[in-house]
C-alpha atoms as a PDB file:
ATOM      1  CA  MET A   1      18.501 -19.345 -45.163  1.00  0.00           C
ATOM      2  CA  ALA A   2      18.042 -17.694 -41.734  1.00  0.00           C
ATOM      3  CA  LYS A   3      17.976 -19.911 -38.714  1.00  0.00           C
ATOM      4  CA  LYS A   4      14.735 -20.021 -36.797  1.00  0.00           C
ATOM      5  CA  LYS A   5      14.978 -18.964 -33.201  1.00  0.00           C
ATOM      6  CA  LYS A   6      14.491 -21.917 -30.935  1.00  0.00           C
ATOM      7  CA  LYS A   7      11.330 -21.485 -28.903  1.00  0.00           C
ATOM      8  CA  THR A   8      11.751 -21.833 -25.137  1.00  0.00           C
ATOM      9  CA  PRO A   9       9.489 -24.515 -23.741  1.00  0.00           C
ATOM     10  CA  GLU A  10       6.643 -23.264 -21.533  1.00  0.00           C
ATOM     11  CA  PRO A  11       8.000 -24.640 -18.228  1.00  0.00           C
ATOM     12  CA  GLU A  12      11.328 -22.876 -18.863  1.00  0.00           C
ATOM     13  CA  GLN A  13       9.506 -19.608 -19.627  1.00  0.00           C
ATOM     14  CA  GLN A  14       7.525 -19.922 -16.420  1.00  0.00           C
ATOM     15  CA  ALA A  15      10.663 -20.641 -14.405  1.00  0.00           C
ATOM     16  CA  ALA A  16      12.445 -17.636 -15.953  1.00  0.00           C
ATOM     17  CA  ARG A  17       9.443 -15.388 -15.226  1.00  0.00           C
ATOM     18  CA  ARG A  18       9.309 -16.679 -11.657  1.00  0.00           C
ATOM     19  CA  ARG A  19      13.037 -15.877 -11.191  1.00  0.00           C
ATOM     20  CA  ARG A  20      12.486 -12.322 -12.512  1.00  0.00           C
ATOM     21  CA  GLN A  21       9.512 -11.901 -10.191  1.00  0.00           C
ATOM     22  CA  ASP A  22      11.512 -13.209  -7.236  1.00  0.00           C
ATOM     23  CA  ARG A  23      14.339 -10.747  -7.993  1.00  0.00           C
ATOM     24  CA  PHE A  24      11.840  -7.905  -8.278  1.00  0.00           C
ATOM     25  CA  LEU A  25       9.989  -8.835  -5.071  1.00  0.00           C
ATOM     26  CA  ALA A  26      13.216  -9.205  -3.085  1.00  0.00           C
ATOM     27  CA  ALA A  27      14.386  -5.810  -4.341  1.00  0.00           C
ATOM     28  CA  PHE A  28      11.003  -4.259  -3.516  1.00  0.00           C
ATOM     29  CA  GLY A  29      11.130  -5.632   0.020  1.00  0.00           C
ATOM     30  CA  GLU A  30      14.588  -4.165   0.450  1.00  0.00           C
ATOM     31  CA  ARG A  31      14.127  -0.816  -1.315  1.00  0.00           C
ATOM     32  CA  GLY A  32      10.400  -0.136  -0.878  1.00  0.00           C
ATOM     33  CA  THR A  33       9.640   1.507  -4.244  1.00  0.00           C
ATOM     34  CA  LEU A  34       8.607   0.076  -7.596  1.00  0.00           C
ATOM     35  CA  SER A  35      11.161   2.132  -9.507  1.00  0.00           C
ATOM     36  CA  ALA A  36      14.101   1.067  -7.357  1.00  0.00           C
ATOM     37  CA  ALA A  37      12.976  -2.565  -7.401  1.00  0.00           C
ATOM     38  CA  ALA A  38      12.535  -2.565 -11.171  1.00  0.00           C
ATOM     39  CA  GLU A  39      15.980  -1.050 -11.698  1.00  0.00           C
ATOM     40  CA  ALA A  40      17.625  -3.545  -9.331  1.00  0.00           C
ATOM     41  CA  ALA A  41      15.828  -6.522 -10.885  1.00  0.00           C
ATOM     42  CA  GLY A  42      16.411  -5.386 -14.461  1.00  0.00           C
ATOM     43  CA  VAL A  43      12.713  -5.239 -15.387  1.00  0.00           C
ATOM     44  CA  SER A  44      10.373  -2.399 -16.208  1.00  0.00           C
ATOM     45  CA  ARG A  45       7.825  -1.021 -13.764  1.00  0.00           C
ATOM     46  CA  ARG A  46       5.196  -1.862 -16.338  1.00  0.00           C
ATOM     47  CA  ARG A  47       6.122  -5.544 -16.005  1.00  0.00           C
ATOM     48  CA  HIS A  48       5.061  -5.452 -12.351  1.00  0.00           C
ATOM     49  CA  TYR A  49       1.593  -4.238 -13.348  1.00  0.00           C
ATOM     50  CA  GLN A  50       1.356  -6.947 -16.017  1.00  0.00           C
ATOM     51  CA  TRP A  51       2.245  -9.595 -13.450  1.00  0.00           C
ATOM     52  CA  MET A  52      -0.373  -8.172 -11.071  1.00  0.00           C
ATOM     53  CA  GLU A  53      -3.010  -8.513 -13.760  1.00  0.00           C
ATOM     54  CA  LEU A  54      -2.005 -11.753 -15.459  1.00  0.00           C
ATOM     55  CA  ASP A  55      -0.296 -13.962 -12.868  1.00  0.00           C
ATOM     56  CA  PRO A  56      -2.737 -15.237 -10.226  1.00  0.00           C
ATOM     57  CA  THR A  57       0.037 -16.000  -7.700  1.00  0.00           C
ATOM     58  CA  TYR A  58       1.885 -12.706  -8.024  1.00  0.00           C
ATOM     59  CA  PRO A  59      -0.442 -10.301  -6.141  1.00  0.00           C
ATOM     60  CA  GLU A  60      -0.239 -12.359  -2.947  1.00  0.00           C
ATOM     61  CA  ARG A  61       3.532 -12.555  -3.224  1.00  0.00           C
ATOM     62  CA  PHE A  62       3.662  -8.792  -3.788  1.00  0.00           C
ATOM     63  CA  VAL A  63       1.628  -8.206  -0.599  1.00  0.00           C
ATOM     64  CA  GLU A  64       4.282 -10.205   1.281  1.00  0.00           C
ATOM     65  CA  ALA A  65       7.012  -8.040  -0.267  1.00  0.00           C
ATOM     66  CA  GLN A  66       5.089  -4.914   0.799  1.00  0.00           C
ATOM     67  CA  GLU A  67       4.962  -6.225   4.370  1.00  0.00           C
ATOM     68  CA  ILE A  68       8.734  -6.747   4.307  1.00  0.00           C
ATOM     69  CA  ALA A  69       9.242  -3.228   2.914  1.00  0.00           C
ATOM     70  CA  ASN A  70       7.016  -1.797   5.661  1.00  0.00           C
ATOM     71  CA  GLU A  71       8.921  -3.714   8.335  1.00  0.00           C
ATOM     72  CA  ASN A  72      12.184  -2.347   6.931  1.00  0.00           C
ATOM     73  CA  LEU A  73      10.795   1.205   7.087  1.00  0.00           C
ATOM     74  CA  GLU A  74       9.717   0.697  10.672  1.00  0.00           C
ATOM     75  CA  LYS A  75      13.086  -0.821  11.569  1.00  0.00           C
ATOM     76  CA  GLU A  76      14.880   2.207  10.093  1.00  0.00           C
ATOM     77  CA  ALA A  77      12.530   4.626  11.879  1.00  0.00           C
ATOM     78  CA  ARG A  78      13.170   2.802  15.162  1.00  0.00           C
ATOM     79  CA  ARG A  79      16.932   2.900  14.567  1.00  0.00           C
ATOM     80  CA  ARG A  80      16.872   6.663  13.948  1.00  0.00           C
ATOM     81  CA  ALA A  81      14.608   7.285  16.944  1.00  0.00           C
ATOM     82  CA  VAL A  82      16.351   5.041  19.490  1.00  0.00           C
ATOM     83  CA  GLU A  83      19.926   4.429  18.343  1.00  0.00           C
ATOM     84  CA  GLY A  84      20.236   7.673  16.436  1.00  0.00           C
ATOM     85  CA  TRP A  85      23.045   8.636  14.084  1.00  0.00           C
ATOM     86  CA  THR A  86      26.232  10.630  14.278  1.00  0.00           C
ATOM     87  CA  GLU A  87      26.378  14.116  12.857  1.00  0.00           C
ATOM     88  CA  PRO A  88      29.792  15.735  12.294  1.00  0.00           C
ATOM     89  CA  ILE A  89      30.634  19.031  13.957  1.00  0.00           C
ATOM     90  CA  PHE A  90      32.744  21.522  12.007  1.00  0.00           C
ATOM     91  CA  TYR A  91      34.536  24.601  13.284  1.00  0.00           C
ATOM     92  CA  GLU A  92      36.205  26.978  10.851  1.00  0.00           C
ATOM     93  CA  GLY A  93      35.937  24.354   8.136  1.00  0.00           C
ATOM     94  CA  MET A  94      37.581  21.591  10.173  1.00  0.00           C
ATOM     95  CA  HIS A  95      35.925  18.494  11.555  1.00  0.00           C
ATOM     96  CA  VAL A  96      36.271  18.825  15.324  1.00  0.00           C
ATOM     97  CA  GLY A  97      33.971  16.107  16.581  1.00  0.00           C
ATOM     98  CA  ASP A  98      30.708  14.288  16.287  1.00  0.00           C
ATOM     99  CA  LYS A  99      27.363  14.692  17.954  1.00  0.00           C
ATOM    100  CA  PRO A 100      24.749  11.962  18.414  1.00  0.00           C
ATOM    101  CA  LYS A 101      21.335  12.856  16.948  1.00  0.00           C
ATOM    102  CA  TYR A 102      17.950  11.244  17.534  1.00  0.00           C
ATOM    103  CA  SER A 103      14.541  11.753  16.002  1.00  0.00           C
ATOM    104  CA  ASP A 104      11.971  12.526  18.669  1.00  0.00           C
ATOM    105  CA  ARG A 105       9.309  12.873  15.985  1.00  0.00           C
ATOM    106  CA  LEU A 106       9.922   9.344  14.684  1.00  0.00           C
ATOM    107  CA  LEU A 107       9.804   8.022  18.229  1.00  0.00           C
ATOM    108  CA  GLU A 108       6.468   9.786  18.706  1.00  0.00           C
ATOM    109  CA  PHE A 109       5.066   8.166  15.545  1.00  0.00           C
ATOM    110  CA  LEU A 110       6.286   4.741  16.627  1.00  0.00           C
ATOM    111  CA  MET A 111       4.718   5.122  20.054  1.00  0.00           C
ATOM    112  CA  LYS A 112       1.402   6.291  18.615  1.00  0.00           C
ATOM    113  CA  GLY A 113       1.401   3.446  16.104  1.00  0.00           C
ATOM    114  CA  ASN A 114       2.305   0.720  18.575  1.00  0.00           C
ATOM    115  CA  LEU A 115       0.349   2.010  21.588  1.00  0.00           C
ATOM    116  CA  PRO A 116      -2.500   4.069  20.084  1.00  0.00           C
ATOM    117  CA  GLU A 117      -4.758   3.983  23.150  1.00  0.00           C
ATOM    118  CA  LYS A 118      -2.008   5.310  25.371  1.00  0.00           C
ATOM    119  CA  TYR A 119      -0.562   7.909  22.980  1.00  0.00           C
ATOM    120  CA  LYS A 120      -3.557   8.963  20.871  1.00  0.00           C
ATOM    121  CA  GLU A 121      -4.177  12.651  20.279  1.00  0.00           C
ATOM    122  CA  ARG A 122      -6.349  14.200  22.948  1.00  0.00           C
ATOM    123  CA  TYR A 123      -7.986  17.552  22.501  1.00  0.00           C
ATOM    124  CA  GLU A 124      -9.255  19.707  25.314  1.00  0.00           C
ATOM    125  CA  ASN A 125     -11.321  22.815  24.888  1.00  0.00           C
ATOM    126  CA  VAL A 126      -9.527  25.414  26.987  1.00  0.00           C
ATOM    127  CA  GLY A 127     -11.386  28.434  25.662  1.00  0.00           C
ATOM    128  CA  GLU A 128     -14.861  29.634  26.445  1.00  0.00           C
ATOM    129  CA  PRO A 129     -17.456  26.890  26.200  1.00  0.00           C
ATOM    130  CA  GLU A 130     -19.824  27.046  23.269  1.00  0.00           C
ATOM    131  CA  ARG A 131     -23.067  28.739  24.124  1.00  0.00           C
ATOM    132  CA  HIS A 132     -26.231  26.989  23.177  1.00  0.00           C
ATOM    133  CA  VAL A 133     -29.465  28.731  23.946  1.00  0.00           C
ATOM    134  CA  ASN A 134     -32.644  26.726  23.832  1.00  0.00           C
ATOM    135  CA  TYR A 135     -35.925  28.571  23.573  1.00  0.00           C
ATOM    136  CA  ASN A 136     -39.372  27.121  23.847  1.00  0.00           C
ATOM    137  CA  ILE A 137     -41.026  28.996  21.014  1.00  0.00           C
ATOM    138  CA  ASP A 138     -44.394  28.370  19.422  1.00  0.00           C
ATOM    139  CA  LEU A 139     -43.675  28.814  15.726  1.00  0.00           C
ATOM    140  CA  THR A 140     -47.277  28.141  14.731  1.00  0.00           C
ATOM    141  CA  GLN A 141     -47.981  31.853  15.156  1.00  0.00           C
ATOM    142  CA  LEU A 142     -45.535  32.797  12.376  1.00  0.00           C
ATOM    143  CA  SER A 143     -46.532  33.270   8.762  1.00  0.00           C
ATOM    144  CA  ASP A 144     -44.936  31.226   5.950  1.00  0.00           C
ATOM    145  CA  GLU A 145     -42.837  34.240   4.986  1.00  0.00           C
ATOM    146  CA  GLU A 146     -41.644  34.704   8.584  1.00  0.00           C
ATOM    147  CA  LEU A 147     -40.785  30.986   8.808  1.00  0.00           C
ATOM    148  CA  ARG A 148     -38.742  31.234   5.576  1.00  0.00           C
ATOM    149  CA  THR A 149     -36.930  34.297   6.964  1.00  0.00           C
ATOM    150  CA  LEU A 150     -36.247  32.475  10.237  1.00  0.00           C
ATOM    151  CA  ASP A 151     -34.991  29.461   8.271  1.00  0.00           C
ATOM    152  CA  LYS A 152     -32.584  31.667   6.297  1.00  0.00           C
ATOM    153  CA  MET A 153     -31.339  33.293   9.504  1.00  0.00           C
ATOM    154  CA  ALA A 154     -30.719  29.873  11.067  1.00  0.00           C
ATOM    155  CA  ASP A 155     -28.743  28.849   7.963  1.00  0.00           C
ATOM    156  CA  LYS A 156     -26.697  32.015   8.191  1.00  0.00           C
ATOM    157  CA  ILE A 157     -25.711  31.506  11.827  1.00  0.00           C
ATOM    158  CA  GLY A 158     -25.279  27.748  11.500  1.00  0.00           C
ATOM    159  CA  GLY A 159     -28.270  26.754  13.565  1.00  0.00           C
ATOM    160  CA  ALA A 160     -29.864  23.352  13.298  1.00  0.00           C
ATOM    161  CA  HIS A 161     -33.428  23.347  12.043  1.00  0.00           C
ATOM    162  CA  GLU A 162     -35.885  21.125  10.262  1.00  0.00           C
END
């Protein structure tokens, strides 16, 4: 006679699920993608979506993990922009030194994100100004056909009309 598998009591199942979720959320905060977090935590990506749907506490905890992941991205962007990294220099196949590199583009994004009023995009029209001509015309003298023709012409040149 085959032995029956012992059923895990509900509180133990909940505790085990909570531990899996905690592993997944910690990995997500560190790695920033569902696939990498699932692989690190030993669960499927699909499990995350099940938890989002079925566990009322999970979505809020996932939002916290997303905030941590975003902070980690910003920290890495800041590191590359301000501290930079070292890039090797090779001459005739031999490593002859290193050169510090920085990301001006990342620094620009950080500045725009943190100080948007100061570093927002500003556009200035440096070409010829647009020409708007306003005429005082009495259209009551035109026939319906002439008005339709005028309306079509205004559409064609992008004029505003009612």
